[in-house]
Every structure is written in C-alpha cells, then in structure tokens.
Amino acid sequence: MCNNEDRVAAVFVFYCSPVRCHFLTYFRGHIPLTNFAYMKKLMLTLAAAVALSQAHAQITIAPEAGLNLANASISSPVGSPGTSMRPGLKAGAVVEIPVIKGFFIQPGIFYAMKGLKSEASGSVIGFPVAIKQKIALNYIEVPLNLGYRYYAGNAGSLFVTAGPYLGYALSGKSKVEGNVAGSGVDREEDIDFGSKDTEMKALDFGLNFSAGYQLPIGLYARIQYGFGLTNLYNASGTSYKNNVLSITLGYAFTLGK
C-alpha cells in the first residue's frame, strides 16, 4: 500500500512517462442398389449439404452498442496510483456462425472508448499536492469469440462467450489538472503511439468473457468483461493494461430473410 506521497509521485511518473450459398444436387442414370459404398458416400454428401444449408440459414448479424466502463492496471517504480472507471461508448456489430447445436463462433468489430481516471493528494517535500488525471484512448477492436447458447423455448435464450480480441488505437489524450504547492496545473496533450519510451503501443491484445439474454424477437442484452494482456507502456519498469466492463444492447437478424 502506497502512502500519499508515493501515490502523488506515481501520478507524476505515470503522467511524465509513456503517456505521450443452396445446394441443388441432381442425379441422372441408374444407381445400382448393390453399390453400398457409393450409396453411403451419396448419403453422406447429401447429409453434409443439408447441414451446411441449415447452418447458412441460421447465420445472424447483430448491430450492438452500449456503455464501456474502462479502467487499467498500472504500475511504476514508485507504486500504483489509485484509479477509477472512465465511462465511454462501445458500438459495432457481431456475426454469429453456428458450429454444432448450441455452439457458435462470433467475430465482430467495434469502436471502443477506453482509458481511466486517476486522483491523488498529499504532499511532496512538504508542499501540498492535489492532482486529477484523465486518460482517453479510442480503439478499433476485433473480437473472435466462441459461444454457447441455451434455448428456453418461447422465453428466448441465454448465451455465454469467451475469446481473444485485438485492438488498434486510433487516438488518445491525457489531461492533468489540480494544484501543486499553491500553483494551478491544467494541461492536456495528445498521446503518441509508437515504440519510444514516451509513446504507448498502438496494438492491444486481450481476452473477453460475456454473458447475455436474447428475446425471441432478436433483441438482446450483454454484459462483458475484457482484460488486456499487452503492456501498452514502452518505458522500462512501467506497465499499463486495459480493463473494461461493458454493458450493451443488440438486435440479431438472420441473413437471407
């Protein structure tokens, strides 16, 4: 547990370091009934065609949007500053592709706002310090989830998903305001992305877990938690990993209908 002076120092290090297709099959001629191997192959081919046709009929696409409550796991040589969630927008769409009964693959693409809020107060070398910081990061995010859906008849369905995501940072800003030794501080700057110590990594990789409920008409609600596995800071001894709780609504409709 850091004391107040450590928390304030951590905020300064945090700020000054890297936060800059239907099968139609027809047969002609006579097929000998004694040719068991041929008939078996034919039946398997037809069965596969039916299965693929049914799966195609069940592929759905769903626009989805809602609230991101973003935070991050941070560490630095002088400790970890206290952080809180930053609300933001999440909007995009997913495609649900059935695999076998109940199971499906669900890729998607989203615009996702992430970041955090940080606040600390105390004293440094006897001088009073009160600092607030906001980090705003805007991503294009591509999840690829495996899911299972339990159908409850006319009551709709329950579903769970899990899988990796890949994010690419479009832009970012850092804003610091407060008071240091009686002097006001109010500074906002763009975050640069790259490989330098004063920059953040643009690519983010992590895992998502979600659960939701869908009405028979296709409207659904989802709650999801995603945690980043990538340290987005380049500077030695520092770490920044995204954590996001999402609450979204979507509407699924079947392709081809």
Protein backbone atom coordinates (compact mmCIF):
# COMPACT_ATOMS: atom_id res chain seq x y z
CA MET A 1 0.00 0.00 0.00
CA CYS A 2 1.47 3.32 -1.04
CA ASN A 3 1.33 6.37 1.24
CA ASN A 4 0.06 9.68 -0.09
CA GLU A 5 3.47 10.89 -1.19
CA ASP A 6 4.07 7.64 -3.13
CA ARG A 7 0.63 7.96 -4.80
CA VAL A 8 1.36 11.51 -5.89
CA ALA A 9 4.81 10.53 -7.17
CA ALA A 10 3.22 7.63 -9.06
CA VAL A 11 0.84 10.05 -10.74
CA PHE A 12 3.75 12.20 -11.86
CA VAL A 13 5.70 9.22 -13.23
CA PHE A 14 2.51 7.96 -14.92
CA TYR A 15 1.97 11.37 -16.49
CA CYS A 16 5.54 12.12 -17.49
CA SER A 17 6.40 8.68 -18.89
CA PRO A 18 4.64 6.95 -21.80
CA VAL A 19 1.59 8.99 -21.96
CA ARG A 20 2.65 10.69 -24.70
CA CYS A 21 -24.55 -20.16 -50.81
CA HIS A 22 -28.50 -23.75 -51.57
CA PHE A 23 -27.22 -27.00 -52.71
CA LEU A 24 -29.16 -28.23 -55.74
CA THR A 25 -27.83 -31.73 -56.45
CA TYR A 26 -29.35 -33.88 -59.17
CA PHE A 27 -28.53 -37.35 -60.41
CA ARG A 28 -29.07 -38.85 -63.84
CA GLY A 29 -28.99 -42.52 -64.82
CA HIS A 30 -29.33 -45.64 -62.72
CA ILE A 31 -27.51 -46.04 -59.42
CA PRO A 32 -27.06 -49.74 -58.60
CA LEU A 33 -28.50 -50.50 -55.16
CA THR A 34 -25.83 -53.14 -54.69
CA ASN A 35 -23.15 -50.49 -54.75
CA PHE A 36 -23.24 -49.93 -51.00
CA ALA A 37 -20.09 -47.87 -50.86
CA TYR A 38 -21.40 -45.47 -53.50
CA MET A 39 -24.75 -45.13 -51.73
CA LYS A 40 -23.03 -44.49 -48.43
CA LYS A 41 -20.91 -41.77 -49.99
CA LEU A 42 -24.01 -40.27 -51.62
CA MET A 43 -25.93 -40.20 -48.32
CA LEU A 44 -23.02 -38.59 -46.51
CA THR A 45 -22.74 -35.95 -49.23
CA LEU A 46 -26.46 -35.16 -49.01
CA ALA A 47 -26.31 -35.04 -45.22
CA ALA A 48 -23.42 -32.59 -45.35
CA ALA A 49 -25.29 -30.46 -47.91
CA VAL A 50 -28.36 -30.29 -45.67
CA ALA A 51 -26.28 -29.42 -42.64
CA LEU A 52 -24.46 -26.63 -44.46
CA SER A 53 -27.71 -25.29 -45.87
CA GLN A 54 -29.28 -25.18 -42.41
CA ALA A 55 -26.23 -23.56 -40.88
CA HIS A 56 -26.23 -20.90 -43.59
CA ALA A 57 -29.89 -20.15 -42.87
CA GLN A 58 -29.05 -19.54 -39.19
CA ILE A 59 -26.16 -17.10 -39.59
CA THR A 60 -27.11 -13.85 -37.89
CA ILE A 61 -25.70 -10.36 -37.82
CA ALA A 62 -26.28 -8.01 -34.92
CA PRO A 63 -25.58 -4.30 -34.50
CA GLU A 64 -24.61 -3.73 -30.87
CA ALA A 65 -23.91 -0.64 -28.77
CA GLY A 66 -23.69 0.45 -25.18
CA LEU A 67 -21.50 1.63 -22.32
CA ASN A 68 -17.84 0.94 -21.66
CA LEU A 69 -16.65 1.37 -18.08
CA ALA A 70 -12.92 1.43 -18.64
CA ASN A 71 -10.02 1.24 -16.24
CA ALA A 72 -6.43 -0.01 -16.32
CA SER A 73 -3.90 -1.91 -14.26
CA ILE A 74 -0.92 0.42 -13.77
CA SER A 75 2.43 0.02 -12.12
CA SER A 76 5.55 2.18 -11.95
CA PRO A 77 8.82 2.19 -9.99
CA VAL A 78 7.21 4.20 -7.17
CA GLY A 79 3.96 2.22 -6.94
CA SER A 80 0.48 2.16 -8.44
CA PRO A 81 -1.72 5.24 -8.38
CA GLY A 82 -5.37 4.91 -7.40
CA THR A 83 -7.60 4.73 -10.45
CA SER A 84 -11.32 4.73 -11.24
CA MET A 85 -13.52 3.87 -14.24
CA ARG A 86 -13.91 6.16 -17.20
CA PRO A 87 -17.29 5.82 -18.99
CA GLY A 88 -17.30 5.73 -22.78
CA LEU A 89 -19.02 4.45 -25.89
CA LYS A 90 -18.86 0.98 -27.41
CA ALA A 91 -20.54 0.48 -30.81
CA GLY A 92 -20.22 -2.03 -33.64
CA ALA A 93 -21.62 -5.36 -34.81
CA VAL A 94 -21.11 -9.12 -34.46
CA VAL A 95 -21.79 -12.08 -36.75
CA GLU A 96 -22.94 -15.36 -35.22
CA ILE A 97 -21.93 -18.50 -37.14
CA PRO A 98 -23.34 -21.84 -35.85
CA VAL A 99 -20.88 -24.69 -35.49
CA ILE A 100 -22.86 -27.51 -33.88
CA LYS A 101 -26.09 -27.40 -31.91
CA GLY A 102 -25.81 -24.70 -29.30
CA PHE A 103 -22.22 -23.70 -30.11
CA PHE A 104 -21.23 -20.83 -32.37
CA ILE A 105 -18.34 -18.61 -33.44
CA GLN A 106 -18.88 -14.88 -33.07
CA PRO A 107 -16.44 -12.46 -34.74
CA GLY A 108 -17.13 -8.74 -34.59
CA ILE A 109 -15.81 -5.22 -34.98
CA PHE A 110 -16.29 -2.32 -32.56
CA TYR A 111 -15.32 1.25 -31.85
CA ALA A 112 -14.37 1.24 -28.17
CA MET A 113 -13.51 4.08 -25.83
CA LYS A 114 -11.11 3.13 -23.05
CA GLY A 115 -8.88 4.87 -20.52
CA LEU A 116 -9.17 5.77 -16.84
CA LYS A 117 -9.41 8.44 -14.19
CA SER A 118 -6.77 8.92 -11.51
CA GLU A 119 -6.72 11.12 -8.45
CA ALA A 120 -4.22 11.64 -5.64
CA SER A 121 -3.48 14.16 -2.94
CA GLY A 122 -0.84 14.59 -0.27
CA SER A 123 2.47 16.35 -0.03
CA VAL A 124 5.82 16.19 -1.73
CA ILE A 125 8.82 17.63 0.11
CA GLY A 126 6.40 19.45 2.36
CA PHE A 127 4.38 21.02 -0.44
CA PRO A 128 0.66 20.19 -0.74
CA VAL A 129 -0.31 18.41 -3.97
CA ALA A 130 -3.73 17.52 -5.38
CA ILE A 131 -3.78 16.02 -8.87
CA LYS A 132 -6.52 14.61 -11.13
CA GLN A 133 -5.73 12.87 -14.39
CA LYS A 134 -7.88 11.50 -17.23
CA ILE A 135 -6.59 9.16 -19.94
CA ALA A 136 -8.81 8.77 -23.04
CA LEU A 137 -7.96 6.03 -25.57
CA ASN A 138 -10.05 5.29 -28.68
CA TYR A 139 -9.77 1.88 -30.34
CA ILE A 140 -10.99 -0.18 -33.25
CA GLU A 141 -11.43 -3.59 -31.66
CA VAL A 142 -11.90 -7.00 -33.33
CA PRO A 143 -13.06 -9.83 -31.03
CA LEU A 144 -13.26 -13.50 -32.05
CA ASN A 145 -15.36 -15.39 -29.52
CA LEU A 146 -16.57 -18.97 -29.11
CA GLY A 147 -20.05 -19.13 -27.61
CA TYR A 148 -22.77 -21.44 -26.36
CA ARG A 149 -26.48 -20.68 -26.47
CA TYR A 150 -29.14 -22.37 -24.31
CA TYR A 151 -32.61 -22.13 -25.83
CA ALA A 152 -35.54 -21.81 -23.43
CA GLY A 153 -38.43 -22.05 -25.93
CA ASN A 154 -40.70 -19.02 -26.03
CA ALA A 155 -38.71 -17.44 -23.21
CA GLY A 156 -35.76 -16.75 -25.53
CA SER A 157 -32.18 -17.88 -24.91
CA LEU A 158 -29.20 -17.44 -22.63
CA PHE A 159 -25.68 -17.28 -24.02
CA VAL A 160 -22.06 -17.10 -22.90
CA THR A 161 -18.97 -16.27 -24.96
CA ALA A 162 -15.21 -16.17 -24.48
CA GLY A 163 -12.26 -15.45 -26.71
CA PRO A 164 -9.46 -13.08 -27.68
CA TYR A 165 -9.61 -9.56 -29.04
CA LEU A 166 -7.19 -7.39 -30.97
CA GLY A 167 -7.39 -3.61 -30.67
CA TYR A 168 -5.73 -0.79 -32.57
CA ALA A 169 -5.52 2.67 -31.04
CA LEU A 170 -6.87 5.46 -33.24
CA SER A 171 -6.16 8.34 -30.88
CA GLY A 172 -5.60 9.27 -27.26
CA LYS A 173 -5.45 12.23 -24.90
CA SER A 174 -4.10 12.88 -21.43
CA LYS A 175 -5.46 15.67 -19.22
CA VAL A 176 -3.94 16.66 -15.87
CA GLU A 177 -5.37 19.29 -13.57
CA GLY A 178 -5.01 20.24 -9.93
CA ASN A 179 -2.81 22.16 -7.57
CA VAL A 180 0.87 21.81 -6.78
CA ALA A 181 2.29 23.93 -3.97
CA GLY A 182 -0.39 26.56 -4.49
CA SER A 183 0.08 26.75 -8.24
CA GLY A 184 -2.70 25.60 -10.54
CA VAL A 185 -2.00 22.89 -13.10
CA ASP A 186 -4.18 22.40 -16.19
CA ARG A 187 -2.58 20.61 -19.11
CA GLU A 188 -3.98 18.48 -21.99
CA GLU A 189 -1.96 16.77 -24.68
CA ASP A 190 -2.28 14.10 -27.35
CA ILE A 191 -0.90 10.66 -26.64
CA ASP A 192 1.58 9.48 -29.24
CA PHE A 193 1.75 5.84 -30.31
CA GLY A 194 4.92 4.04 -31.29
CA SER A 195 7.94 2.32 -29.79
CA LYS A 196 9.63 5.21 -27.95
CA ASP A 197 9.68 5.40 -24.17
CA THR A 198 7.49 8.49 -24.31
CA GLU A 199 4.90 6.74 -26.51
CA MET A 200 2.29 4.00 -25.99
CA LYS A 201 1.88 0.84 -28.06
CA ALA A 202 -0.95 1.10 -30.60
CA LEU A 203 -1.77 -2.64 -30.65
CA ASP A 204 -3.65 -4.11 -27.71
CA PHE A 205 -4.37 -7.83 -27.22
CA GLY A 206 -6.53 -9.42 -24.55
CA LEU A 207 -9.39 -11.74 -23.59
CA ASN A 208 -13.16 -11.19 -23.38
CA PHE A 209 -15.79 -13.03 -21.35
CA SER A 210 -19.50 -12.26 -21.69
CA ALA A 211 -22.99 -13.47 -20.78
CA GLY A 212 -26.37 -12.33 -22.04
CA TYR A 213 -30.05 -12.92 -22.66
CA GLN A 214 -31.84 -12.75 -26.02
CA LEU A 215 -35.58 -12.39 -26.65
CA PRO A 216 -37.23 -14.49 -29.41
CA ILE A 217 -37.59 -11.31 -31.50
CA GLY A 218 -33.77 -10.93 -31.58
CA LEU A 219 -33.25 -8.12 -29.05
CA TYR A 220 -30.56 -8.96 -26.52
CA ALA A 221 -28.53 -7.57 -23.64
CA ARG A 222 -24.93 -8.47 -22.87
CA ILE A 223 -22.52 -7.85 -20.03
CA GLN A 224 -18.85 -8.36 -20.83
CA TYR A 225 -15.50 -8.07 -19.11
CA GLY A 226 -12.30 -7.68 -21.09
CA PHE A 227 -8.79 -7.54 -19.75
CA GLY A 228 -5.70 -6.63 -21.68
CA LEU A 229 -2.65 -8.85 -21.78
CA THR A 230 -0.42 -6.30 -23.51
CA ASN A 231 1.69 -3.84 -21.57
CA LEU A 232 0.99 -0.65 -23.51
CA TYR A 233 3.90 1.25 -22.00
CA ASN A 234 7.35 1.09 -23.58
CA ALA A 235 9.35 2.58 -20.72
CA SER A 236 11.23 0.10 -18.55
CA GLY A 237 9.67 -0.59 -15.16
CA THR A 238 6.21 0.76 -16.08
CA SER A 239 3.05 -1.11 -17.04
CA TYR A 240 -0.39 -0.16 -18.36
CA LYS A 241 -3.00 -2.85 -19.23
CA ASN A 242 -6.59 -2.11 -20.22
CA ASN A 243 -9.55 -3.46 -18.20
CA VAL A 244 -13.10 -2.85 -19.42
CA LEU A 245 -16.59 -3.72 -18.19
CA SER A 246 -19.18 -3.36 -21.00
CA ILE A 247 -22.99 -3.29 -20.88
CA THR A 248 -24.55 -3.37 -24.34
CA LEU A 249 -27.80 -3.92 -26.25
CA GLY A 250 -28.04 -5.54 -29.68
CA TYR A 251 -30.53 -6.78 -32.25
CA ALA A 252 -29.83 -10.02 -34.15
CA PHE A 253 -31.43 -10.75 -37.51
CA THR A 254 -30.95 -13.74 -39.81
CA LEU A 255 -29.14 -13.25 -43.07
CA GLY A 256 -31.17 -14.13 -46.16
CA LYS A 257 -34.54 -13.40 -44.55
